[in-house]
N, C-alpha and C. Protein backbone atom coordinates (compact mmCIF):
# COMPACT_ATOMS: atom_id res chain seq x y z
N MET A 1 90.83 166.16 136.76
CA MET A 1 90.46 164.85 136.29
C MET A 1 91.75 164.09 135.97
N THR A 2 91.80 162.84 136.39
CA THR A 2 93.02 162.06 136.18
C THR A 2 92.85 160.93 135.19
N GLY A 3 91.65 160.70 134.74
CA GLY A 3 91.46 159.59 133.81
C GLY A 3 90.07 159.59 133.22
N VAL A 4 89.85 158.68 132.32
CA VAL A 4 88.56 158.56 131.66
C VAL A 4 88.11 157.12 131.76
N ASP A 5 86.86 156.93 132.06
CA ASP A 5 86.29 155.60 132.11
C ASP A 5 85.32 155.46 130.95
N ALA A 6 85.80 154.90 129.86
CA ALA A 6 84.95 154.73 128.68
C ALA A 6 83.92 153.64 128.94
N ARG A 7 82.67 153.95 128.69
CA ARG A 7 81.60 152.97 128.87
C ARG A 7 81.46 152.21 127.56
N THR A 8 82.20 151.13 127.46
CA THR A 8 82.18 150.41 126.20
C THR A 8 81.74 148.96 126.36
N SER A 9 82.38 148.22 127.22
CA SER A 9 82.07 146.79 127.36
C SER A 9 80.62 146.54 127.75
N GLU A 10 80.10 147.40 128.59
CA GLU A 10 78.72 147.19 129.03
C GLU A 10 77.72 147.38 127.91
N LEU A 11 78.16 147.97 126.80
CA LEU A 11 77.28 148.16 125.65
C LEU A 11 77.35 147.02 124.64
N ASP A 12 78.19 146.04 124.88
CA ASP A 12 78.29 144.91 123.94
C ASP A 12 76.95 144.20 123.72
N PRO A 13 76.12 143.99 124.74
CA PRO A 13 74.81 143.37 124.47
C PRO A 13 73.96 144.22 123.51
N PHE A 14 74.02 145.53 123.66
CA PHE A 14 73.31 146.42 122.75
C PHE A 14 73.87 146.30 121.33
N ARG A 15 75.20 146.22 121.23
CA ARG A 15 75.83 146.06 119.91
C ARG A 15 75.43 144.73 119.26
N LEU A 16 75.27 143.70 120.06
CA LEU A 16 74.82 142.42 119.52
C LEU A 16 73.42 142.57 118.91
N THR A 17 72.55 143.30 119.59
CA THR A 17 71.21 143.56 119.05
C THR A 17 71.30 144.35 117.76
N GLN A 18 72.16 145.37 117.73
CA GLN A 18 72.35 146.15 116.50
C GLN A 18 72.81 145.26 115.35
N LEU A 19 73.79 144.42 115.63
CA LEU A 19 74.32 143.53 114.60
C LEU A 19 73.22 142.61 114.08
N TYR A 20 72.47 142.03 114.98
CA TYR A 20 71.36 141.16 114.58
C TYR A 20 70.39 141.92 113.67
N ASN A 21 70.00 143.12 114.08
CA ASN A 21 69.04 143.90 113.29
C ASN A 21 69.60 144.26 111.92
N LEU A 22 70.90 144.45 111.82
CA LEU A 22 71.51 144.80 110.55
C LEU A 22 71.55 143.64 109.57
N VAL A 23 71.77 142.45 110.05
CA VAL A 23 72.00 141.33 109.14
C VAL A 23 70.83 140.35 109.03
N HIS A 24 69.87 140.44 109.92
CA HIS A 24 68.80 139.44 109.93
C HIS A 24 68.01 139.39 108.63
N SER A 25 67.74 140.53 108.02
CA SER A 25 66.96 140.51 106.78
C SER A 25 67.74 139.89 105.63
N GLN A 26 69.07 140.02 105.65
CA GLN A 26 69.89 139.45 104.58
C GLN A 26 70.20 137.98 104.82
N TRP A 27 70.40 137.63 106.06
CA TRP A 27 70.76 136.27 106.42
C TRP A 27 69.83 135.75 107.53
N PRO A 28 68.55 135.55 107.22
CA PRO A 28 67.62 135.12 108.27
C PRO A 28 67.95 133.75 108.85
N ASP A 29 68.73 132.96 108.12
CA ASP A 29 69.09 131.63 108.60
C ASP A 29 70.33 131.65 109.50
N GLN A 30 70.92 132.84 109.71
CA GLN A 30 72.11 132.95 110.55
C GLN A 30 71.68 132.90 112.02
N THR A 31 71.88 131.74 112.63
CA THR A 31 71.43 131.55 114.01
C THR A 31 72.56 131.50 115.02
N THR A 32 73.80 131.59 114.53
CA THR A 32 74.96 131.63 115.42
C THR A 32 75.83 132.80 115.02
N PHE A 33 76.21 133.58 116.00
CA PHE A 33 77.05 134.75 115.78
C PHE A 33 78.38 134.55 116.50
N GLY A 34 79.46 134.91 115.86
CA GLY A 34 80.76 134.87 116.52
C GLY A 34 80.90 136.04 117.47
N VAL A 35 81.65 135.84 118.53
CA VAL A 35 81.96 136.93 119.47
C VAL A 35 83.44 136.83 119.81
N LEU A 36 84.18 137.87 119.50
CA LEU A 36 85.60 137.95 119.83
C LEU A 36 85.72 138.80 121.09
N GLU A 37 86.24 138.21 122.16
CA GLU A 37 86.31 138.95 123.41
C GLU A 37 87.55 138.60 124.21
N ASN A 38 87.88 139.50 125.12
CA ASN A 38 89.01 139.33 126.02
C ASN A 38 88.43 139.08 127.41
N ASN A 39 88.44 137.84 127.84
CA ASN A 39 87.84 137.53 129.15
C ASN A 39 88.77 137.81 130.31
N THR A 40 89.93 138.42 130.04
CA THR A 40 90.82 138.82 131.14
C THR A 40 90.75 140.33 131.37
N ARG A 41 89.92 141.01 130.63
CA ARG A 41 89.76 142.45 130.81
C ARG A 41 89.25 142.74 132.22
N GLU A 42 89.74 143.81 132.79
CA GLU A 42 89.42 144.13 134.18
C GLU A 42 87.92 144.19 134.46
N ASP A 43 87.14 144.76 133.54
CA ASP A 43 85.70 144.88 133.79
C ASP A 43 84.89 143.74 133.18
N TYR A 44 85.56 142.68 132.71
CA TYR A 44 84.85 141.51 132.20
C TYR A 44 84.26 140.73 133.37
N ASP A 45 82.98 140.48 133.30
CA ASP A 45 82.30 139.77 134.38
C ASP A 45 81.78 138.43 133.85
N PRO A 46 82.46 137.34 134.17
CA PRO A 46 82.03 136.04 133.65
C PRO A 46 80.67 135.60 134.19
N THR A 47 80.21 136.23 135.27
CA THR A 47 78.91 135.86 135.82
C THR A 47 77.77 136.66 135.19
N SER A 48 78.12 137.69 134.42
CA SER A 48 77.09 138.48 133.76
C SER A 48 76.48 137.66 132.63
N LEU A 49 75.20 137.64 132.61
CA LEU A 49 74.50 136.86 131.59
C LEU A 49 73.83 137.76 130.55
N GLU A 50 74.22 139.03 130.51
CA GLU A 50 73.55 139.97 129.62
C GLU A 50 73.65 139.56 128.15
N MET A 51 74.84 139.20 127.70
CA MET A 51 74.98 138.78 126.30
C MET A 51 74.15 137.53 126.04
N ASP A 52 74.16 136.61 126.99
CA ASP A 52 73.38 135.37 126.83
C ASP A 52 71.88 135.66 126.82
N LYS A 53 71.45 136.61 127.64
CA LYS A 53 70.04 136.99 127.66
C LYS A 53 69.62 137.59 126.32
N VAL A 54 70.46 138.46 125.78
CA VAL A 54 70.16 139.06 124.48
C VAL A 54 70.12 137.98 123.40
N ALA A 55 71.09 137.10 123.41
CA ALA A 55 71.13 136.01 122.42
C ALA A 55 69.87 135.16 122.53
N HIS A 56 69.46 134.85 123.74
CA HIS A 56 68.25 134.05 123.95
C HIS A 56 67.02 134.79 123.40
N ARG A 57 66.92 136.07 123.69
CA ARG A 57 65.79 136.88 123.21
C ARG A 57 65.76 136.92 121.68
N LEU A 58 66.93 136.97 121.05
CA LEU A 58 67.03 137.03 119.59
C LEU A 58 66.97 135.64 118.95
N ASN A 59 66.95 134.61 119.79
CA ASN A 59 66.92 133.22 119.33
C ASN A 59 68.16 132.87 118.50
N ILE A 60 69.32 133.30 119.02
CA ILE A 60 70.59 132.98 118.38
C ILE A 60 71.53 132.37 119.41
N LYS A 61 72.58 131.73 118.89
CA LYS A 61 73.63 131.19 119.74
C LYS A 61 74.89 132.03 119.55
N LEU A 62 75.75 132.00 120.55
CA LEU A 62 77.01 132.73 120.47
C LEU A 62 78.17 131.75 120.42
N ASN A 63 79.04 131.94 119.46
CA ASN A 63 80.27 131.17 119.36
C ASN A 63 81.37 132.11 119.82
N ARG A 64 81.71 132.02 121.11
CA ARG A 64 82.66 132.94 121.72
C ARG A 64 84.09 132.44 121.59
N VAL A 65 84.97 133.36 121.23
CA VAL A 65 86.39 133.06 121.19
C VAL A 65 87.07 134.09 122.08
N HIS A 66 87.82 133.59 123.05
CA HIS A 66 88.52 134.46 124.00
C HIS A 66 89.96 134.64 123.54
N VAL A 67 90.36 135.89 123.42
CA VAL A 67 91.73 136.23 123.07
C VAL A 67 92.36 136.86 124.30
N ILE A 68 93.44 136.28 124.75
CA ILE A 68 94.10 136.74 125.96
C ILE A 68 95.32 137.57 125.59
N PRO A 69 95.38 138.81 126.08
CA PRO A 69 96.52 139.65 125.74
C PRO A 69 97.80 139.14 126.39
N GLY A 70 98.89 139.50 125.79
CA GLY A 70 100.20 139.12 126.30
C GLY A 70 101.28 139.82 125.52
N PRO A 71 102.51 139.57 125.87
CA PRO A 71 103.61 140.27 125.22
C PRO A 71 103.86 139.83 123.77
N ASP A 72 103.38 138.65 123.41
CA ASP A 72 103.63 138.12 122.07
C ASP A 72 102.49 138.50 121.12
N GLN A 73 102.67 139.62 120.41
CA GLN A 73 101.66 140.09 119.47
C GLN A 73 101.38 139.08 118.37
N THR A 74 102.39 138.33 117.96
CA THR A 74 102.21 137.34 116.91
C THR A 74 101.21 136.27 117.34
N ALA A 75 101.30 135.82 118.58
CA ALA A 75 100.38 134.81 119.09
C ALA A 75 98.95 135.35 119.17
N ILE A 76 98.80 136.61 119.55
CA ILE A 76 97.47 137.22 119.64
C ILE A 76 96.86 137.33 118.25
N LYS A 77 97.66 137.78 117.29
CA LYS A 77 97.17 137.90 115.91
C LYS A 77 96.78 136.53 115.36
N LYS A 78 97.52 135.52 115.72
CA LYS A 78 97.21 134.16 115.27
C LYS A 78 95.87 133.70 115.84
N LEU A 79 95.61 134.01 117.11
CA LEU A 79 94.32 133.65 117.73
C LEU A 79 93.16 134.36 117.04
N ILE A 80 93.37 135.62 116.71
CA ILE A 80 92.32 136.38 116.00
C ILE A 80 92.04 135.75 114.65
N ASN A 81 93.10 135.43 113.90
CA ASN A 81 92.92 134.78 112.60
C ASN A 81 92.22 133.43 112.74
N GLN A 82 92.62 132.65 113.74
CA GLN A 82 92.00 131.35 113.97
C GLN A 82 90.52 131.49 114.30
N ALA A 83 90.17 132.54 115.04
CA ALA A 83 88.76 132.77 115.38
C ALA A 83 87.94 132.98 114.12
N PHE A 84 88.41 133.88 113.26
CA PHE A 84 87.66 134.17 112.04
C PHE A 84 87.62 132.97 111.10
N GLN A 85 88.72 132.24 110.98
CA GLN A 85 88.72 131.05 110.12
C GLN A 85 87.80 129.97 110.70
N GLY A 86 87.79 129.83 112.00
CA GLY A 86 86.90 128.87 112.65
C GLY A 86 85.44 129.21 112.43
N TRP A 87 85.10 130.48 112.50
CA TRP A 87 83.72 130.89 112.24
C TRP A 87 83.36 130.62 110.78
N LYS A 88 84.28 130.89 109.89
CA LYS A 88 84.02 130.62 108.47
C LYS A 88 83.73 129.14 108.27
N GLN A 89 84.58 128.28 108.84
CA GLN A 89 84.39 126.83 108.69
C GLN A 89 83.07 126.36 109.31
N ALA A 90 82.62 127.07 110.34
CA ALA A 90 81.37 126.71 111.01
C ALA A 90 80.14 127.31 110.32
N GLY A 91 80.37 128.07 109.25
CA GLY A 91 79.26 128.67 108.52
C GLY A 91 78.72 129.95 109.16
N ILE A 92 79.50 130.52 110.06
CA ILE A 92 79.10 131.77 110.71
C ILE A 92 79.51 132.93 109.82
N LYS A 93 78.56 133.79 109.52
CA LYS A 93 78.81 134.88 108.57
C LYS A 93 79.10 136.21 109.24
N VAL A 94 78.76 136.35 110.53
CA VAL A 94 78.93 137.63 111.21
C VAL A 94 79.49 137.42 112.61
N ALA A 95 80.23 138.44 113.07
CA ALA A 95 80.82 138.36 114.40
C ALA A 95 80.84 139.74 115.05
N LEU A 96 80.67 139.75 116.34
CA LEU A 96 80.80 140.95 117.14
C LEU A 96 82.20 140.97 117.74
N VAL A 97 82.94 142.04 117.51
CA VAL A 97 84.23 142.22 118.16
C VAL A 97 83.96 143.06 119.40
N ALA A 98 84.09 142.44 120.56
CA ALA A 98 83.75 143.11 121.81
C ALA A 98 84.62 144.34 122.02
N ALA A 99 84.07 145.28 122.77
CA ALA A 99 84.79 146.51 123.08
C ALA A 99 85.98 146.18 123.97
N ASP A 100 87.16 146.48 123.48
CA ASP A 100 88.36 146.19 124.26
C ASP A 100 89.54 146.91 123.63
N PRO A 101 90.39 147.53 124.44
CA PRO A 101 91.58 148.19 123.88
C PRO A 101 92.48 147.23 123.09
N LEU A 102 92.49 145.97 123.47
CA LEU A 102 93.29 144.98 122.75
C LEU A 102 92.91 144.95 121.28
N PHE A 103 91.61 144.90 120.99
CA PHE A 103 91.15 144.82 119.61
C PHE A 103 91.27 146.17 118.90
N ASN A 104 91.14 147.26 119.66
CA ASN A 104 91.37 148.58 119.06
C ASN A 104 92.82 148.70 118.62
N ASP A 105 93.74 148.27 119.47
CA ASP A 105 95.16 148.35 119.14
C ASP A 105 95.52 147.48 117.94
N LEU A 106 94.81 146.37 117.79
CA LEU A 106 95.09 145.44 116.69
C LEU A 106 94.04 145.53 115.58
N ARG A 107 93.39 146.68 115.50
CA ARG A 107 92.32 146.87 114.52
C ARG A 107 92.72 146.48 113.09
N PRO A 108 93.89 146.89 112.60
CA PRO A 108 94.27 146.47 111.23
C PRO A 108 94.34 144.95 111.09
N ASP A 109 94.75 144.27 112.14
CA ASP A 109 94.85 142.81 112.09
C ASP A 109 93.47 142.15 112.16
N VAL A 110 92.57 142.75 112.93
CA VAL A 110 91.19 142.24 112.98
C VAL A 110 90.54 142.40 111.62
N ILE A 111 90.73 143.56 111.00
CA ILE A 111 90.15 143.81 109.67
C ILE A 111 90.74 142.84 108.65
N LYS A 112 92.04 142.60 108.74
CA LYS A 112 92.69 141.66 107.82
C LYS A 112 92.10 140.25 107.98
N ALA A 113 91.90 139.82 109.22
CA ALA A 113 91.33 138.50 109.48
C ALA A 113 89.89 138.43 108.98
N GLU A 114 89.16 139.52 109.17
CA GLU A 114 87.78 139.59 108.69
C GLU A 114 87.73 139.42 107.18
N LYS A 115 88.55 140.19 106.49
CA LYS A 115 88.55 140.15 105.03
C LYS A 115 89.02 138.79 104.50
N ALA A 116 90.02 138.21 105.13
CA ALA A 116 90.54 136.92 104.68
C ALA A 116 89.51 135.81 104.85
N SER A 117 88.67 135.93 105.87
CA SER A 117 87.70 134.87 106.16
C SER A 117 86.35 135.08 105.47
N GLY A 118 86.04 136.33 105.17
CA GLY A 118 84.71 136.63 104.62
C GLY A 118 83.65 136.74 105.69
N VAL A 119 84.03 136.65 106.95
CA VAL A 119 83.09 136.82 108.06
C VAL A 119 83.01 138.31 108.35
N ALA A 120 81.82 138.89 108.27
CA ALA A 120 81.65 140.32 108.53
C ALA A 120 81.72 140.57 110.03
N ALA A 121 82.51 141.56 110.42
CA ALA A 121 82.68 141.87 111.83
C ALA A 121 82.09 143.24 112.15
N PHE A 122 81.59 143.36 113.35
CA PHE A 122 81.01 144.61 113.86
C PHE A 122 81.75 144.94 115.14
N ASP A 123 82.29 146.16 115.22
CA ASP A 123 83.02 146.53 116.43
C ASP A 123 82.64 147.93 116.88
N VAL A 124 83.27 148.40 117.93
CA VAL A 124 82.93 149.69 118.54
C VAL A 124 82.96 150.82 117.52
N ALA A 125 83.94 150.84 116.66
CA ALA A 125 84.06 151.92 115.68
C ALA A 125 82.93 151.88 114.65
N ASP A 126 82.24 150.77 114.57
CA ASP A 126 81.16 150.63 113.59
C ASP A 126 79.82 151.15 114.09
N ASP A 127 79.73 151.52 115.36
CA ASP A 127 78.45 151.92 115.93
C ASP A 127 77.72 152.96 115.11
N ARG A 128 78.44 153.89 114.51
CA ARG A 128 77.81 154.97 113.77
C ARG A 128 78.03 154.86 112.27
N HIS A 129 78.75 153.86 111.81
CA HIS A 129 79.15 153.82 110.40
C HIS A 129 78.82 152.47 109.77
N VAL A 130 77.63 152.36 109.27
CA VAL A 130 77.23 151.10 108.65
C VAL A 130 76.63 151.42 107.28
N ARG A 131 77.02 150.64 106.30
CA ARG A 131 76.47 150.82 104.95
C ARG A 131 76.39 149.46 104.27
N ALA A 132 75.73 149.41 103.15
CA ALA A 132 75.68 148.17 102.37
C ALA A 132 76.58 148.33 101.16
N ASP A 133 77.31 147.29 100.83
CA ASP A 133 78.19 147.39 99.68
C ASP A 133 77.45 146.99 98.41
N ALA A 134 78.14 147.03 97.28
CA ALA A 134 77.53 146.78 95.98
C ALA A 134 76.99 145.37 95.84
N ARG A 135 77.51 144.44 96.62
CA ARG A 135 77.02 143.06 96.54
C ARG A 135 75.77 142.86 97.38
N GLY A 136 75.32 143.91 98.06
CA GLY A 136 74.14 143.80 98.88
C GLY A 136 74.39 143.19 100.24
N ARG A 137 75.63 142.87 100.51
CA ARG A 137 76.00 142.26 101.78
C ARG A 137 76.35 143.35 102.78
N SER A 138 76.00 143.19 104.01
CA SER A 138 76.36 144.19 105.01
C SER A 138 77.87 144.30 105.10
N ARG A 139 78.37 145.50 105.05
CA ARG A 139 79.78 145.78 105.25
C ARG A 139 79.87 146.82 106.33
N PHE A 140 80.75 146.61 107.22
CA PHE A 140 80.90 147.53 108.32
C PHE A 140 82.11 148.39 108.03
N CYS A 141 81.84 149.67 107.83
CA CYS A 141 82.83 150.61 107.32
C CYS A 141 84.08 150.66 108.17
N ARG A 142 85.19 150.86 107.52
CA ARG A 142 86.48 150.97 108.18
C ARG A 142 86.99 152.36 108.02
């Protein structure tokens, strides 16, 4: 075997459903969810409507922010922070961090942006680790 093909991105629509199910009872008025994604990823298919179909079925809208990888880590971190701050200003309380090595590599920065904004994020590492914190708000374990 020469490599591994992790099946992650194709599960993002399922993760969106999980996120919705986790937060809907606490925030039933949350009709727009943030999505942090890398639309330059090799297996990203801009013609795929799966996320849109799931959003339509759940009766929610997606506020997508595309982060493009590059050699300047500072610029990427700034885009991530801007995404979370933009969602906060728009009244969005939750966001899906799409499956992508870029976000895994910058996980501490994503968590920092999440905490600074107050927007709860759900990512690949959260699939099995979800709990409620003392404030009764969904927190996705780190």
